[in-house]
Amino acid sequence: MTELNRLERELRMRQTDFSTFDRLLKKASDRRAKMTPVTGDAVDLPLNSAAASGAAPWPDYQQFLDATTRRRIERLYGPDFEAFGAHL
């Protein structure tokens, strides 16, 4: 984040106060679907408000990915996760 602030100064941009992100991230995490595990590998169920509220099963993200898609995502975004993983 220090480097991003340096870049903002260099570009004469308004400085981002990253200390405010904790509050914003907490607020955003409250809006995520509650995890009620889905059993099995096949995902064949409605993803509706009941599922999002935790009253019905909501699949884990891994259940949406087949092996080919997972490899493609890892290849495309692997460097980003390595670089920014400590901040996610």
C-alpha atoms as a PDB file:
ATOM      1  CA  MET A   1       0.000   0.000   0.000  1.00  0.00           C
ATOM      2  CA  THR A   2       2.960   2.277   0.589  1.00  0.00           C
ATOM      3  CA  GLU A   3       3.957   1.866  -3.033  1.00  0.00           C
ATOM      4  CA  LEU A   4       0.447   2.729  -4.183  1.00  0.00           C
ATOM      5  CA  ASN A   5       0.538   5.905  -2.085  1.00  0.00           C
ATOM      6  CA  ARG A   6       3.921   6.768  -3.598  1.00  0.00           C
ATOM      7  CA  LEU A   7       2.475   6.325  -7.076  1.00  0.00           C
ATOM      8  CA  GLU A   8      -0.490   8.531  -6.168  1.00  0.00           C
ATOM      9  CA  ARG A   9       1.894  11.267  -5.018  1.00  0.00           C
ATOM     10  CA  GLU A  10       3.965  10.915  -8.171  1.00  0.00           C
ATOM     11  CA  LEU A  11       0.852  11.254 -10.324  1.00  0.00           C
ATOM     12  CA  ARG A  12      -0.441  14.123  -8.167  1.00  0.00           C
ATOM     13  CA  MET A  13      -3.497  12.139  -7.185  1.00  0.00           C
ATOM     14  CA  ARG A  14      -5.411  12.339  -3.938  1.00  0.00           C
ATOM     15  CA  GLN A  15      -3.848  10.002  -1.350  1.00  0.00           C
ATOM     16  CA  THR A  16      -5.808   6.891  -0.466  1.00  0.00           C
ATOM     17  CA  ASP A  17      -6.232   6.315   3.271  1.00  0.00           C
ATOM     18  CA  PHE A  18      -5.882   2.541   3.359  1.00  0.00           C
ATOM     19  CA  SER A  19      -6.631   2.457   7.098  1.00  0.00           C
ATOM     20  CA  THR A  20     -10.311   2.951   6.174  1.00  0.00           C
ATOM     21  CA  PHE A  21     -10.371  -0.267   4.180  1.00  0.00           C
ATOM     22  CA  ASP A  22     -10.760  -2.501   7.241  1.00  0.00           C
ATOM     23  CA  ARG A  23     -14.185  -0.985   7.906  1.00  0.00           C
ATOM     24  CA  LEU A  24     -15.183  -1.215   4.247  1.00  0.00           C
ATOM     25  CA  LEU A  25     -13.979  -4.804   3.903  1.00  0.00           C
ATOM     26  CA  LYS A  26     -15.901  -5.778   7.040  1.00  0.00           C
ATOM     27  CA  LYS A  27     -19.035  -4.212   5.570  1.00  0.00           C
ATOM     28  CA  ALA A  28     -18.488  -6.017   2.260  1.00  0.00           C
ATOM     29  CA  SER A  29     -17.877  -9.373   3.961  1.00  0.00           C
ATOM     30  CA  ASP A  30     -21.240  -9.068   5.715  1.00  0.00           C
ATOM     31  CA  ARG A  31     -22.885  -8.996   2.290  1.00  0.00           C
ATOM     32  CA  ARG A  32     -21.455 -12.323   1.153  1.00  0.00           C
ATOM     33  CA  ALA A  33     -23.557 -15.443   1.068  1.00  0.00           C
ATOM     34  CA  LYS A  34     -23.450 -17.572   4.181  1.00  0.00           C
ATOM     35  CA  MET A  35     -21.848 -20.941   3.572  1.00  0.00           C
ATOM     36  CA  THR A  36     -24.212 -23.907   3.834  1.00  0.00           C
ATOM     37  CA  PRO A  37     -22.232 -26.684   2.152  1.00  0.00           C
ATOM     38  CA  VAL A  38     -23.533 -28.557  -0.856  1.00  0.00           C
ATOM     39  CA  THR A  39     -22.719 -32.248  -0.850  1.00  0.00           C
ATOM     40  CA  GLY A  40     -21.352 -33.945  -3.917  1.00  0.00           C
ATOM     41  CA  ASP A  41     -19.490 -32.641  -6.939  1.00  0.00           C
ATOM     42  CA  ALA A  42     -22.422 -31.734  -9.158  1.00  0.00           C
ATOM     43  CA  VAL A  43     -24.064 -28.369  -8.591  1.00  0.00           C
ATOM     44  CA  ASP A  44     -27.657 -28.570  -9.740  1.00  0.00           C
ATOM     45  CA  LEU A  45     -29.734 -26.375  -7.457  1.00  0.00           C
ATOM     46  CA  PRO A  46     -31.247 -22.901  -7.487  1.00  0.00           C
ATOM     47  CA  LEU A  47     -29.013 -20.107  -6.228  1.00  0.00           C
ATOM     48  CA  ASN A  48     -31.698 -17.857  -4.791  1.00  0.00           C
ATOM     49  CA  SER A  49     -32.214 -15.592  -1.779  1.00  0.00           C
ATOM     50  CA  ALA A  50     -32.748 -18.584   0.528  1.00  0.00           C
ATOM     51  CA  ALA A  51     -29.376 -19.988  -0.516  1.00  0.00           C
ATOM     52  CA  ALA A  52     -27.698 -16.598  -0.174  1.00  0.00           C
ATOM     53  CA  SER A  53     -29.104 -16.142   3.350  1.00  0.00           C
ATOM     54  CA  GLY A  54     -27.845 -19.545   4.474  1.00  0.00           C
ATOM     55  CA  ALA A  55     -31.310 -21.119   4.677  1.00  0.00           C
ATOM     56  CA  ALA A  56     -30.548 -23.408   1.734  1.00  0.00           C
ATOM     57  CA  PRO A  57     -27.301 -24.927   0.421  1.00  0.00           C
ATOM     58  CA  TRP A  58     -24.854 -22.598  -1.336  1.00  0.00           C
ATOM     59  CA  PRO A  59     -22.002 -24.266  -3.266  1.00  0.00           C
ATOM     60  CA  ASP A  60     -18.390 -23.624  -2.423  1.00  0.00           C
ATOM     61  CA  TYR A  61     -16.635 -21.821  -5.281  1.00  0.00           C
ATOM     62  CA  GLN A  62     -14.580 -24.951  -5.979  1.00  0.00           C
ATOM     63  CA  GLN A  63     -17.747 -26.808  -6.949  1.00  0.00           C
ATOM     64  CA  PHE A  64     -18.187 -24.439  -9.897  1.00  0.00           C
ATOM     65  CA  LEU A  65     -14.781 -25.230 -11.395  1.00  0.00           C
ATOM     66  CA  ASP A  66     -13.713 -28.185 -13.454  1.00  0.00           C
ATOM     67  CA  ALA A  67     -10.018 -29.113 -13.708  1.00  0.00           C
ATOM     68  CA  THR A  68      -9.466 -27.207 -16.972  1.00  0.00           C
ATOM     69  CA  THR A  69     -11.051 -24.018 -15.662  1.00  0.00           C
ATOM     70  CA  ARG A  70      -9.101 -24.232 -12.394  1.00  0.00           C
ATOM     71  CA  ARG A  71      -5.777 -24.558 -14.264  1.00  0.00           C
ATOM     72  CA  ARG A  72      -6.671 -21.606 -16.498  1.00  0.00           C
ATOM     73  CA  ILE A  73      -7.528 -19.403 -13.496  1.00  0.00           C
ATOM     74  CA  GLU A  74      -4.349 -20.432 -11.670  1.00  0.00           C
ATOM     75  CA  ARG A  75      -2.259 -19.627 -14.752  1.00  0.00           C
ATOM     76  CA  LEU A  76      -3.924 -16.268 -15.345  1.00  0.00           C
ATOM     77  CA  TYR A  77      -4.166 -14.997 -11.766  1.00  0.00           C
ATOM     78  CA  GLY A  78      -1.435 -16.946  -9.954  1.00  0.00           C
ATOM     79  CA  PRO A  79       1.084 -14.064 -10.073  1.00  0.00           C
ATOM     80  CA  ASP A  80      -1.544 -11.662  -8.688  1.00  0.00           C
ATOM     81  CA  PHE A  81      -2.350 -13.963  -5.771  1.00  0.00           C
ATOM     82  CA  GLU A  82       1.345 -14.346  -5.017  1.00  0.00           C
ATOM     83  CA  ALA A  83       1.913 -10.603  -5.114  1.00  0.00           C
ATOM     84  CA  PHE A  84      -1.205  -9.523  -3.199  1.00  0.00           C
ATOM     85  CA  GLY A  85      -2.161 -12.642  -1.242  1.00  0.00           C
ATOM     86  CA  ALA A  86      -1.166 -11.159   2.110  1.00  0.00           C
ATOM     87  CA  HIS A  87      -3.663  -8.342   1.539  1.00  0.00           C
ATOM     88  CA  LEU A  88      -6.649 -10.506   0.530  1.00  0.00           C
END
